[in-house]
């Protein structure tokens, strides 16, 4: 019952916060994929990135960010994703009027 209520609450929260999910391309080594959840509520935007490995499960977030004025860096294309042999790196950029307030850079580790 707790799992059902938790799932229902998550859906309601996503709808209220105008949430968008995106799979970033290209995929990294071994098929590691970065999946992003971006939300905007009033004058704040925030996002989370998850590393999804071969299992297809993302159990822990790799990083999160907060942006002023509800800016969505992934949706706006103001980000850079790069991959190396050890994993990925996601760099979030804001704009001059919508700066990144927290978490402009994070590593993505599928290991």
Protein backbone atom coordinates (compact mmCIF):
# COMPACT_ATOMS: atom_id res chain seq x y z
CA UNK A 1 0.00 0.00 0.00
CA UNK A 2 2.86 2.38 0.81
CA UNK A 3 4.40 1.81 -2.63
CA UNK A 4 1.08 2.63 -4.32
CA UNK A 5 0.68 5.83 -2.32
CA UNK A 6 4.29 6.83 -3.01
CA UNK A 7 3.84 6.29 -6.74
CA UNK A 8 0.57 8.23 -6.77
CA UNK A 9 2.19 11.12 -4.89
CA UNK A 10 5.09 11.14 -7.38
CA UNK A 11 2.69 11.37 -10.32
CA UNK A 12 0.72 14.23 -8.71
CA UNK A 13 3.98 16.06 -7.90
CA UNK A 14 5.21 15.65 -11.50
CA UNK A 15 1.95 17.02 -12.90
CA UNK A 16 1.91 20.00 -10.51
CA UNK A 17 5.53 20.87 -11.25
CA UNK A 18 5.24 20.58 -15.04
CA UNK A 19 7.95 17.90 -15.21
CA UNK A 20 9.71 16.75 -18.38
CA UNK A 21 11.91 13.68 -18.74
CA UNK A 22 14.60 13.39 -21.42
CA UNK A 23 17.13 10.78 -22.46
CA UNK A 24 20.38 12.50 -23.42
CA UNK A 25 22.36 11.37 -26.44
CA UNK A 26 24.88 10.09 -27.22
CA UNK A 27 25.07 7.15 -24.85
CA UNK A 28 28.34 6.56 -23.05
CA UNK A 29 30.65 3.56 -22.66
CA UNK A 30 28.90 0.23 -22.27
CA UNK A 31 25.54 1.77 -23.15
CA UNK A 32 25.45 4.04 -20.10
CA UNK A 33 22.71 6.62 -20.63
CA UNK A 34 21.97 9.90 -18.87
CA UNK A 35 18.28 10.49 -18.11
CA UNK A 36 17.15 13.91 -16.92
CA UNK A 37 14.10 15.05 -14.96
CA UNK A 38 13.46 18.81 -15.27
CA UNK A 39 10.77 20.70 -13.37
CA UNK A 40 9.66 24.29 -13.18
CA UNK A 41 7.49 25.79 -10.48
CA UNK A 42 6.81 29.52 -10.20
CA UNK A 43 10.23 31.22 -10.54
CA UNK A 44 12.55 28.27 -9.90
CA UNK A 45 13.65 25.49 -12.22
CA UNK A 46 15.41 22.36 -11.08
CA UNK A 47 16.69 19.17 -12.57
CA UNK A 48 18.15 15.82 -11.72
CA UNK A 49 20.29 13.51 -13.82
CA UNK A 50 20.32 9.75 -13.42
CA UNK A 51 22.82 7.25 -14.83
CA UNK A 52 21.06 4.29 -16.42
CA UNK A 53 23.24 1.25 -17.03
CA UNK A 54 22.67 -2.08 -18.77
CA UNK A 55 19.99 -3.10 -16.28
CA UNK A 56 17.76 -0.21 -17.32
CA UNK A 57 17.43 0.92 -13.70
CA UNK A 58 18.45 4.26 -12.24
CA UNK A 59 18.64 3.80 -8.50
CA UNK A 60 20.56 6.92 -7.46
CA UNK A 61 20.69 10.40 -8.89
CA UNK A 62 24.07 11.44 -10.21
CA UNK A 63 23.50 15.14 -9.74
CA UNK A 64 21.00 17.95 -9.40
CA UNK A 65 20.78 21.66 -10.17
CA UNK A 66 18.65 24.72 -9.53
CA UNK A 67 18.14 27.52 -12.03
CA UNK A 68 16.54 30.95 -11.63
CA UNK A 69 13.25 31.96 -13.29
CA UNK A 70 12.17 28.43 -14.17
CA UNK A 71 14.80 28.04 -16.91
CA UNK A 72 15.13 24.47 -18.21
CA UNK A 73 18.73 24.06 -19.42
CA UNK A 74 18.21 20.64 -20.99
CA UNK A 75 15.04 21.69 -22.80
CA UNK A 76 16.75 24.92 -23.93
CA UNK A 77 19.91 23.10 -25.04
CA UNK A 78 22.18 25.05 -22.67
CA UNK A 79 24.14 22.01 -21.51
CA UNK A 80 27.12 19.93 -22.55
CA UNK A 81 27.40 16.16 -22.15
CA UNK A 82 30.73 14.43 -22.65
CA UNK A 83 31.84 10.83 -22.12
CA UNK A 84 35.19 9.32 -21.30
CA UNK A 85 36.35 5.80 -20.44
CA UNK A 86 35.37 6.22 -16.77
CA UNK A 87 31.94 7.79 -17.25
CA UNK A 88 30.29 11.02 -18.24
CA UNK A 89 30.23 14.66 -17.32
CA UNK A 90 27.21 16.98 -17.57
CA UNK A 91 27.72 20.73 -17.50
CA UNK A 92 24.63 22.90 -17.07
CA UNK A 93 24.57 26.52 -18.25
CA UNK A 94 22.03 29.19 -17.55
CA UNK A 95 21.60 32.52 -19.27
CA UNK A 96 22.53 36.04 -18.19
CA UNK A 97 19.00 36.51 -16.81
CA UNK A 98 18.46 32.90 -15.66
CA UNK A 99 21.68 31.80 -13.96
CA UNK A 100 22.41 28.38 -12.50
CA UNK A 101 22.10 28.83 -8.73
CA UNK A 102 23.39 25.40 -7.69
CA UNK A 103 24.95 22.32 -9.31
CA UNK A 104 26.28 23.53 -12.65
CA UNK A 105 28.47 20.47 -13.15
CA UNK A 106 28.17 16.78 -12.28
CA UNK A 107 29.77 13.44 -13.08
CA UNK A 108 27.72 10.52 -14.39
CA UNK A 109 28.85 7.10 -13.21
CA UNK A 110 27.11 3.91 -14.34
CA UNK A 111 29.57 1.72 -12.46
